[in-house]
């Protein structure tokens, strides 16, 4: 790695200004964060000329996995108009990983805002290096190695 340098031209490009405006537009209408603040990600929307902004719950403690409290915003190309807001979870759920000596298959969370897992489940599985099993309705979905696997039906025991 090299020594940090200061760019000769510090002016933002039009694209960088629009990305920042998109992040700020999302932050203005964001719900209350679970942990006091949000981490943010801004990317070009692959389905339009606009932006996607994710406001993500940070981990409240070392190793804790913030499964809930994430939101996705679809924003106009100039970054000033929020076109859609998607809650990617219904609550502020945080999971603790199993101890290193435990024989655990991974973490399990229920998901009620869509019939399938969402992109934040894949992100969390990769970021925390843990398989994540997501329960939606009557389905049990494995999320690991950057992919959402095929669902399995949940087998209910009769009383």
N, C-alpha and C. Protein backbone atom coordinates (compact mmCIF):
# COMPACT_ATOMS: atom_id res chain seq x y z
N UNK A 1 0.85 -1.18 0.00
CA UNK A 1 0.00 0.00 0.00
C UNK A 1 0.88 1.22 0.00
N UNK A 2 0.36 2.25 -0.62
CA UNK A 2 1.12 3.48 -0.71
C UNK A 2 0.66 4.52 0.29
N UNK A 3 1.38 5.61 0.29
CA UNK A 3 1.05 6.74 1.15
C UNK A 3 -0.17 7.47 0.56
N UNK A 4 -1.13 7.85 1.40
CA UNK A 4 -2.30 8.57 0.87
C UNK A 4 -1.90 9.89 0.22
N UNK A 5 -2.60 10.21 -0.84
CA UNK A 5 -2.33 11.48 -1.53
C UNK A 5 -3.60 12.30 -1.62
N UNK A 6 -3.44 13.58 -1.83
CA UNK A 6 -4.57 14.48 -2.01
C UNK A 6 -4.75 14.71 -3.50
N UNK A 7 -5.96 14.50 -4.04
CA UNK A 7 -6.15 14.74 -5.47
C UNK A 7 -5.97 16.22 -5.81
N UNK A 8 -5.48 16.48 -7.00
CA UNK A 8 -5.27 17.87 -7.41
C UNK A 8 -6.60 18.58 -7.65
N UNK A 9 -7.60 17.84 -8.15
CA UNK A 9 -8.93 18.43 -8.38
C UNK A 9 -9.91 17.75 -7.42
N UNK A 10 -10.35 18.46 -6.40
CA UNK A 10 -11.24 17.88 -5.39
C UNK A 10 -12.71 18.10 -5.71
N UNK A 11 -13.02 18.71 -6.84
CA UNK A 11 -14.42 18.95 -7.22
C UNK A 11 -15.10 17.63 -7.56
N UNK A 12 -16.34 17.49 -7.11
CA UNK A 12 -17.12 16.28 -7.42
C UNK A 12 -17.63 16.36 -8.85
N UNK A 13 -17.72 15.20 -9.49
CA UNK A 13 -18.32 15.14 -10.82
C UNK A 13 -19.84 15.25 -10.67
N UNK A 14 -20.54 15.46 -11.77
CA UNK A 14 -22.01 15.50 -11.72
C UNK A 14 -22.56 14.18 -11.19
N UNK A 15 -21.97 13.08 -11.60
CA UNK A 15 -22.41 11.75 -11.13
C UNK A 15 -22.20 11.61 -9.62
N UNK A 16 -21.07 12.05 -9.12
CA UNK A 16 -20.80 11.98 -7.67
C UNK A 16 -21.76 12.89 -6.89
N UNK A 17 -22.07 14.06 -7.42
CA UNK A 17 -23.04 14.95 -6.76
C UNK A 17 -24.43 14.31 -6.73
N UNK A 18 -24.82 13.67 -7.82
CA UNK A 18 -26.13 13.01 -7.87
C UNK A 18 -26.19 11.84 -6.89
N UNK A 19 -25.11 11.07 -6.79
CA UNK A 19 -25.07 9.94 -5.84
C UNK A 19 -25.19 10.45 -4.41
N UNK A 20 -24.48 11.53 -4.10
CA UNK A 20 -24.57 12.10 -2.75
C UNK A 20 -25.98 12.64 -2.49
N UNK A 21 -26.57 13.30 -3.47
CA UNK A 21 -27.94 13.82 -3.32
C UNK A 21 -28.91 12.66 -3.08
N UNK A 22 -28.71 11.54 -3.77
CA UNK A 22 -29.58 10.37 -3.58
C UNK A 22 -29.47 9.85 -2.15
N UNK A 23 -28.26 9.77 -1.63
CA UNK A 23 -28.07 9.31 -0.25
C UNK A 23 -28.75 10.26 0.73
N UNK A 24 -28.61 11.55 0.50
CA UNK A 24 -29.22 12.54 1.40
C UNK A 24 -30.75 12.53 1.29
N UNK A 25 -31.28 12.31 0.09
CA UNK A 25 -32.74 12.22 -0.08
C UNK A 25 -33.30 11.04 0.69
N UNK A 26 -32.61 9.91 0.65
CA UNK A 26 -33.04 8.73 1.41
C UNK A 26 -32.97 9.01 2.91
N UNK A 27 -31.88 9.62 3.36
CA UNK A 27 -31.69 9.89 4.79
C UNK A 27 -32.77 10.82 5.35
N UNK A 28 -33.25 11.75 4.53
CA UNK A 28 -34.28 12.70 4.98
C UNK A 28 -35.58 12.01 5.38
N UNK A 29 -35.90 10.91 4.71
CA UNK A 29 -37.20 10.26 4.98
C UNK A 29 -37.04 8.89 5.64
N UNK A 30 -35.83 8.56 6.02
CA UNK A 30 -35.57 7.23 6.61
C UNK A 30 -36.30 7.05 7.92
N UNK A 31 -36.75 5.83 8.19
CA UNK A 31 -37.34 5.55 9.50
C UNK A 31 -36.25 5.66 10.57
N UNK A 32 -36.67 5.66 11.81
CA UNK A 32 -35.71 5.74 12.91
C UNK A 32 -34.77 4.53 12.85
N UNK A 33 -33.46 4.74 12.91
CA UNK A 33 -32.54 3.60 12.85
C UNK A 33 -32.58 2.77 14.12
N UNK A 34 -32.26 1.51 13.98
CA UNK A 34 -32.25 0.59 15.12
C UNK A 34 -31.11 0.88 16.09
N UNK A 35 -29.96 1.28 15.55
CA UNK A 35 -28.77 1.44 16.39
C UNK A 35 -28.24 2.87 16.40
N UNK A 36 -29.11 3.86 16.27
CA UNK A 36 -28.67 5.24 16.37
C UNK A 36 -28.24 5.87 15.06
N UNK A 37 -27.81 5.09 14.09
CA UNK A 37 -27.36 5.61 12.81
C UNK A 37 -27.50 4.52 11.74
N UNK A 38 -27.23 4.87 10.51
CA UNK A 38 -27.25 3.91 9.41
C UNK A 38 -25.89 3.89 8.73
N UNK A 39 -25.54 2.76 8.16
CA UNK A 39 -24.48 2.70 7.16
C UNK A 39 -25.20 2.83 5.82
N UNK A 40 -24.55 3.43 4.84
CA UNK A 40 -25.23 3.63 3.56
C UNK A 40 -24.41 3.08 2.40
N UNK A 41 -25.15 2.65 1.38
CA UNK A 41 -24.57 2.19 0.12
C UNK A 41 -25.38 2.83 -0.99
N UNK A 42 -24.69 3.40 -1.98
CA UNK A 42 -25.36 4.02 -3.13
C UNK A 42 -24.81 3.36 -4.39
N UNK A 43 -25.72 2.94 -5.28
CA UNK A 43 -25.31 2.32 -6.54
C UNK A 43 -26.27 2.73 -7.64
N UNK A 44 -25.78 2.71 -8.88
CA UNK A 44 -26.67 2.95 -10.01
C UNK A 44 -27.71 1.84 -10.05
N UNK A 45 -28.95 2.21 -10.32
CA UNK A 45 -30.03 1.24 -10.44
C UNK A 45 -29.90 0.55 -11.80
N UNK A 46 -29.72 -0.77 -11.82
CA UNK A 46 -29.55 -1.45 -13.11
C UNK A 46 -30.83 -1.51 -13.94
N UNK A 47 -31.97 -1.15 -13.36
CA UNK A 47 -33.25 -1.22 -14.09
C UNK A 47 -33.76 0.16 -14.52
N UNK A 48 -33.03 1.23 -14.19
CA UNK A 48 -33.46 2.58 -14.58
C UNK A 48 -32.24 3.48 -14.65
N UNK A 49 -32.47 4.78 -14.93
CA UNK A 49 -31.36 5.73 -14.95
C UNK A 49 -31.09 6.32 -13.57
N UNK A 50 -31.81 5.83 -12.56
CA UNK A 50 -31.70 6.38 -11.21
C UNK A 50 -30.69 5.67 -10.33
N UNK A 51 -30.92 5.79 -9.04
CA UNK A 51 -30.02 5.27 -8.01
C UNK A 51 -30.76 4.34 -7.07
N UNK A 52 -30.02 3.41 -6.49
CA UNK A 52 -30.51 2.61 -5.37
C UNK A 52 -29.69 3.02 -4.16
N UNK A 53 -30.37 3.26 -3.05
CA UNK A 53 -29.69 3.60 -1.80
C UNK A 53 -30.14 2.61 -0.75
N UNK A 54 -29.18 2.01 -0.07
CA UNK A 54 -29.50 1.14 1.06
C UNK A 54 -29.05 1.84 2.33
N UNK A 55 -29.94 1.94 3.30
CA UNK A 55 -29.59 2.40 4.63
C UNK A 55 -29.65 1.16 5.51
N UNK A 56 -28.49 0.76 6.01
CA UNK A 56 -28.33 -0.52 6.69
C UNK A 56 -28.00 -0.32 8.17
N UNK A 57 -28.59 -1.16 9.01
CA UNK A 57 -28.28 -1.13 10.43
C UNK A 57 -26.85 -1.60 10.65
N UNK A 58 -26.08 -0.85 11.43
CA UNK A 58 -24.74 -1.34 11.76
C UNK A 58 -24.80 -2.38 12.87
N UNK A 59 -23.74 -3.11 13.03
CA UNK A 59 -23.67 -4.08 14.12
C UNK A 59 -23.53 -3.31 15.43
N UNK A 60 -24.39 -3.60 16.42
CA UNK A 60 -24.30 -2.88 17.69
C UNK A 60 -23.15 -3.35 18.57
N UNK A 61 -22.56 -4.49 18.26
CA UNK A 61 -21.45 -5.02 19.06
C UNK A 61 -20.62 -5.96 18.19
N UNK A 62 -19.40 -6.17 18.56
CA UNK A 62 -18.51 -7.05 17.79
C UNK A 62 -19.15 -8.43 17.60
N UNK A 63 -19.26 -8.85 16.35
CA UNK A 63 -19.79 -10.17 16.04
C UNK A 63 -21.31 -10.24 15.93
N UNK A 64 -22.02 -9.24 16.46
CA UNK A 64 -23.49 -9.25 16.38
C UNK A 64 -23.92 -9.00 14.94
N UNK A 65 -24.92 -9.75 14.47
CA UNK A 65 -25.37 -9.67 13.08
C UNK A 65 -26.71 -8.94 13.02
N UNK A 66 -26.72 -7.72 12.47
CA UNK A 66 -27.96 -6.95 12.40
C UNK A 66 -28.84 -7.40 11.23
N UNK A 67 -29.74 -8.33 11.48
CA UNK A 67 -30.60 -8.88 10.42
C UNK A 67 -31.74 -7.92 10.08
N UNK A 68 -32.15 -7.10 11.03
CA UNK A 68 -33.27 -6.19 10.80
C UNK A 68 -32.85 -4.74 10.76
N UNK A 69 -33.81 -3.91 10.34
CA UNK A 69 -33.59 -2.46 10.32
C UNK A 69 -33.01 -1.93 9.03
N UNK A 70 -33.10 -2.69 7.94
CA UNK A 70 -32.52 -2.28 6.66
C UNK A 70 -33.62 -1.77 5.72
N UNK A 71 -33.27 -0.76 4.90
CA UNK A 71 -34.22 -0.17 3.96
C UNK A 71 -33.53 0.09 2.62
N UNK A 72 -34.32 -0.04 1.53
CA UNK A 72 -33.82 0.24 0.18
C UNK A 72 -34.69 1.35 -0.41
N UNK A 73 -34.04 2.31 -1.06
CA UNK A 73 -34.72 3.45 -1.66
C UNK A 73 -34.39 3.49 -3.14
N UNK A 74 -35.40 3.68 -3.98
CA UNK A 74 -35.19 3.93 -5.41
C UNK A 74 -35.30 5.43 -5.60
N UNK A 75 -34.26 6.04 -6.18
CA UNK A 75 -34.15 7.49 -6.27
C UNK A 75 -33.96 7.89 -7.73
N UNK A 76 -34.44 9.07 -8.09
CA UNK A 76 -34.31 9.58 -9.46
C UNK A 76 -32.85 9.80 -9.85
N UNK A 77 -32.61 9.99 -11.14
CA UNK A 77 -31.25 10.15 -11.67
C UNK A 77 -30.53 11.37 -11.08
N UNK A 78 -31.28 12.44 -10.80
CA UNK A 78 -30.63 13.63 -10.23
C UNK A 78 -30.43 13.52 -8.71
N UNK A 79 -30.95 12.43 -8.12
CA UNK A 79 -30.77 12.19 -6.69
C UNK A 79 -31.74 12.93 -5.79
N UNK A 80 -32.70 13.63 -6.35
CA UNK A 80 -33.56 14.50 -5.54
C UNK A 80 -34.96 13.95 -5.25
N UNK A 81 -35.40 12.94 -6.00
CA UNK A 81 -36.76 12.44 -5.83
C UNK A 81 -36.76 10.97 -5.42
N UNK A 82 -37.39 10.68 -4.30
CA UNK A 82 -37.53 9.30 -3.85
C UNK A 82 -38.72 8.70 -4.58
N UNK A 83 -38.49 7.65 -5.35
CA UNK A 83 -39.54 7.02 -6.13
C UNK A 83 -40.19 5.85 -5.40
N UNK A 84 -39.42 5.15 -4.57
CA UNK A 84 -39.95 3.99 -3.85
C UNK A 84 -39.10 3.72 -2.63
N UNK A 85 -39.76 3.25 -1.56
CA UNK A 85 -39.07 2.86 -0.34
C UNK A 85 -39.48 1.43 -0.03
N UNK A 86 -38.50 0.57 0.22
CA UNK A 86 -38.77 -0.82 0.57
C UNK A 86 -38.14 -1.14 1.92
N UNK A 87 -38.98 -1.49 2.90
CA UNK A 87 -38.45 -1.99 4.16
C UNK A 87 -38.00 -3.42 3.91
N UNK A 88 -36.74 -3.70 4.16
CA UNK A 88 -36.20 -5.04 3.90
C UNK A 88 -36.30 -5.94 5.12
N UNK A 89 -36.93 -5.44 6.17
CA UNK A 89 -37.20 -6.22 7.38
C UNK A 89 -38.34 -5.54 8.11
N UNK A 90 -38.92 -6.25 9.07
CA UNK A 90 -40.06 -5.71 9.81
C UNK A 90 -39.69 -5.26 11.22
N UNK A 91 -38.47 -5.55 11.65
CA UNK A 91 -38.09 -5.19 13.02
C UNK A 91 -36.58 -5.01 13.13
N UNK A 92 -36.13 -4.69 14.31
CA UNK A 92 -34.71 -4.47 14.60
C UNK A 92 -34.08 -5.73 15.17
N UNK A 93 -34.07 -6.79 14.41
CA UNK A 93 -33.53 -8.06 14.88
C UNK A 93 -32.01 -8.08 14.78
N UNK A 94 -31.35 -8.47 15.88
CA UNK A 94 -29.90 -8.68 15.89
C UNK A 94 -29.65 -10.09 16.41
N UNK A 95 -28.83 -10.85 15.69
CA UNK A 95 -28.50 -12.21 16.09
C UNK A 95 -27.06 -12.28 16.58
N UNK A 96 -26.85 -13.13 17.56
CA UNK A 96 -25.49 -13.39 18.05
C UNK A 96 -24.97 -14.65 17.38
N UNK A 97 -23.76 -14.62 16.85
CA UNK A 97 -23.23 -15.83 16.23
C UNK A 97 -22.94 -16.89 17.28
N UNK A 98 -22.95 -18.16 16.86
CA UNK A 98 -22.63 -19.22 17.82
C UNK A 98 -21.17 -19.12 18.24
N UNK A 99 -20.83 -19.63 19.45
CA UNK A 99 -19.42 -19.64 19.86
C UNK A 99 -18.60 -20.47 18.87
N UNK A 100 -17.31 -20.15 18.72
CA UNK A 100 -16.47 -20.88 17.75
C UNK A 100 -16.44 -22.39 17.94
N UNK A 101 -16.60 -22.86 19.18
CA UNK A 101 -16.55 -24.30 19.43
C UNK A 101 -17.90 -25.00 19.26
N UNK A 102 -18.96 -24.23 18.97
CA UNK A 102 -20.29 -24.81 18.80
C UNK A 102 -20.39 -25.49 17.43
N UNK A 103 -21.21 -26.51 17.35
CA UNK A 103 -21.44 -27.20 16.09
C UNK A 103 -22.75 -26.70 15.49
N UNK A 104 -22.78 -25.42 15.14
CA UNK A 104 -23.98 -24.80 14.60
C UNK A 104 -23.91 -24.76 13.08
N UNK A 105 -25.04 -24.97 12.43
CA UNK A 105 -25.10 -24.92 10.97
C UNK A 105 -25.12 -23.49 10.46
N UNK A 106 -25.54 -22.54 11.29
CA UNK A 106 -25.63 -21.14 10.88
C UNK A 106 -26.67 -20.42 11.70
N UNK A 107 -27.03 -19.24 11.26
CA UNK A 107 -28.02 -18.40 11.93
C UNK A 107 -29.38 -18.58 11.28
N UNK A 108 -30.45 -18.40 12.05
CA UNK A 108 -31.81 -18.55 11.53
C UNK A 108 -32.60 -17.29 11.86
N UNK A 109 -33.34 -16.79 10.87
CA UNK A 109 -34.21 -15.63 11.07
C UNK A 109 -35.49 -15.79 10.27
N UNK A 110 -36.59 -15.30 10.82
CA UNK A 110 -37.83 -15.27 10.04
C UNK A 110 -37.87 -13.96 9.25
N UNK A 111 -38.62 -13.98 8.16
CA UNK A 111 -38.70 -12.83 7.26
C UNK A 111 -40.14 -12.71 6.79
N UNK A 112 -40.78 -11.58 7.06
CA UNK A 112 -42.20 -11.44 6.76
C UNK A 112 -42.54 -10.38 5.72
N UNK A 113 -41.56 -9.60 5.24
CA UNK A 113 -41.88 -8.51 4.32
C UNK A 113 -41.88 -8.91 2.85
N UNK A 114 -41.44 -10.14 2.54
CA UNK A 114 -41.51 -10.63 1.16
C UNK A 114 -41.54 -12.16 1.20
N UNK A 115 -41.96 -12.80 0.11
CA UNK A 115 -42.06 -14.26 0.11
C UNK A 115 -40.72 -14.97 -0.07
N UNK A 116 -39.65 -14.22 -0.31
CA UNK A 116 -38.32 -14.79 -0.47
C UNK A 116 -37.32 -13.96 0.32
N UNK A 117 -36.13 -14.50 0.58
CA UNK A 117 -35.07 -13.67 1.17
C UNK A 117 -34.73 -12.51 0.23
N UNK A 118 -34.08 -11.50 0.77
CA UNK A 118 -33.72 -10.31 -0.01
C UNK A 118 -32.20 -10.13 -0.01
N UNK A 119 -31.74 -9.13 -0.73
CA UNK A 119 -30.31 -8.93 -0.91
C UNK A 119 -29.54 -8.71 0.38
N UNK A 120 -30.18 -8.15 1.39
CA UNK A 120 -29.46 -7.94 2.65
C UNK A 120 -29.14 -9.27 3.33
N UNK A 121 -29.94 -10.29 3.11
CA UNK A 121 -29.61 -11.61 3.67
C UNK A 121 -28.31 -12.14 3.05
N UNK A 122 -28.16 -11.97 1.74
CA UNK A 122 -26.94 -12.40 1.07
C UNK A 122 -25.76 -11.58 1.58
N UNK A 123 -25.94 -10.27 1.67
CA UNK A 123 -24.88 -9.40 2.16
C UNK A 123 -24.43 -9.81 3.57
N UNK A 124 -25.38 -10.04 4.47
CA UNK A 124 -25.04 -10.39 5.85
C UNK A 124 -24.32 -11.73 5.92
N UNK A 125 -24.76 -12.71 5.15
CA UNK A 125 -24.11 -14.01 5.14
C UNK A 125 -22.65 -13.88 4.70
N UNK A 126 -22.41 -13.06 3.67
CA UNK A 126 -21.05 -12.85 3.19
C UNK A 126 -20.23 -12.02 4.19
N UNK A 127 -20.81 -10.93 4.67
CA UNK A 127 -20.08 -10.01 5.55
C UNK A 127 -19.67 -10.66 6.87
N UNK A 128 -20.56 -11.50 7.41
CA UNK A 128 -20.29 -12.11 8.71
C UNK A 128 -19.80 -13.55 8.59
N UNK A 129 -19.63 -14.00 7.34
CA UNK A 129 -19.10 -15.35 7.06
C UNK A 129 -19.87 -16.43 7.82
N UNK A 130 -21.19 -16.32 7.74
CA UNK A 130 -22.09 -17.26 8.40
C UNK A 130 -23.19 -17.69 7.43
N UNK A 131 -23.47 -18.97 7.34
CA UNK A 131 -24.69 -19.35 6.62
C UNK A 131 -25.88 -18.74 7.37
N UNK A 132 -26.87 -18.31 6.62
CA UNK A 132 -28.08 -17.74 7.20
C UNK A 132 -29.26 -18.51 6.63
N UNK A 133 -30.13 -18.97 7.49
CA UNK A 133 -31.32 -19.71 7.06
C UNK A 133 -32.52 -18.82 7.32
N UNK A 134 -33.27 -18.54 6.26
CA UNK A 134 -34.37 -17.58 6.33
C UNK A 134 -35.70 -18.31 6.19
N UNK A 135 -36.59 -18.07 7.14
CA UNK A 135 -37.92 -18.68 7.13
C UNK A 135 -38.91 -17.65 6.60
N UNK A 136 -39.61 -18.01 5.51
CA UNK A 136 -40.68 -17.17 4.96
C UNK A 136 -41.91 -18.03 4.82
N UNK A 137 -42.96 -17.70 5.56
CA UNK A 137 -44.17 -18.50 5.48
C UNK A 137 -43.90 -19.96 5.80
N UNK A 138 -44.10 -20.83 4.81
CA UNK A 138 -43.89 -22.27 4.98
C UNK A 138 -42.60 -22.76 4.33
N UNK A 139 -41.69 -21.83 4.01
CA UNK A 139 -40.45 -22.18 3.33
C UNK A 139 -39.23 -21.86 4.20
N UNK A 140 -38.18 -22.64 4.01
CA UNK A 140 -36.92 -22.51 4.74
C UNK A 140 -35.83 -22.36 3.68
N UNK A 141 -35.18 -21.19 3.60
CA UNK A 141 -34.24 -20.87 2.53
C UNK A 141 -32.80 -20.82 3.05
N UNK A 142 -31.87 -21.56 2.45
CA UNK A 142 -30.46 -21.40 2.83
C UNK A 142 -29.85 -20.22 2.06
N UNK A 143 -29.09 -19.41 2.78
CA UNK A 143 -28.37 -18.30 2.16
C UNK A 143 -26.90 -18.45 2.56
N UNK A 144 -26.07 -18.74 1.60
CA UNK A 144 -24.64 -18.91 1.90
C UNK A 144 -23.82 -18.78 0.62
N UNK A 145 -22.54 -18.45 0.80
CA UNK A 145 -21.60 -18.32 -0.31
C UNK A 145 -22.12 -17.39 -1.41
N UNK A 146 -22.81 -16.33 -1.00
CA UNK A 146 -23.27 -15.33 -1.96
C UNK A 146 -24.51 -15.69 -2.74
N UNK A 147 -25.22 -16.73 -2.31
CA UNK A 147 -26.41 -17.18 -3.06
C UNK A 147 -27.55 -17.53 -2.14
N UNK A 148 -28.75 -17.37 -2.68
CA UNK A 148 -29.97 -17.85 -2.02
C UNK A 148 -30.27 -19.20 -2.64
N UNK A 149 -30.27 -20.26 -1.82
CA UNK A 149 -30.50 -21.60 -2.32
C UNK A 149 -31.98 -21.91 -2.51
N UNK A 150 -32.24 -23.11 -2.96
CA UNK A 150 -33.62 -23.56 -3.16
C UNK A 150 -34.31 -23.73 -1.81
N UNK A 151 -35.58 -23.34 -1.73
CA UNK A 151 -36.28 -23.47 -0.45
C UNK A 151 -36.70 -24.91 -0.18
N UNK A 152 -36.87 -25.19 1.08
CA UNK A 152 -37.40 -26.48 1.52
C UNK A 152 -38.68 -26.19 2.30
N UNK A 153 -39.68 -27.06 2.18
CA UNK A 153 -40.90 -26.85 2.97
C UNK A 153 -40.61 -27.09 4.45
N UNK A 154 -41.27 -26.32 5.26
CA UNK A 154 -41.13 -26.51 6.71
C UNK A 154 -42.04 -27.66 7.13
N UNK A 155 -41.48 -28.62 7.80
CA UNK A 155 -42.27 -29.78 8.27
C UNK A 155 -42.80 -29.47 9.65
N UNK A 156 -44.08 -29.43 9.78
CA UNK A 156 -44.73 -29.16 11.07
C UNK A 156 -45.03 -30.47 11.78
N UNK A 157 -44.78 -30.48 13.07
CA UNK A 157 -45.14 -31.65 13.87
C UNK A 157 -46.56 -31.49 14.36
N UNK A 158 -47.32 -32.57 14.32
CA UNK A 158 -48.70 -32.48 14.82
C UNK A 158 -48.66 -32.56 16.34
N UNK A 159 -49.60 -31.83 16.98
CA UNK A 159 -49.60 -31.80 18.46
C UNK A 159 -49.95 -33.11 19.09
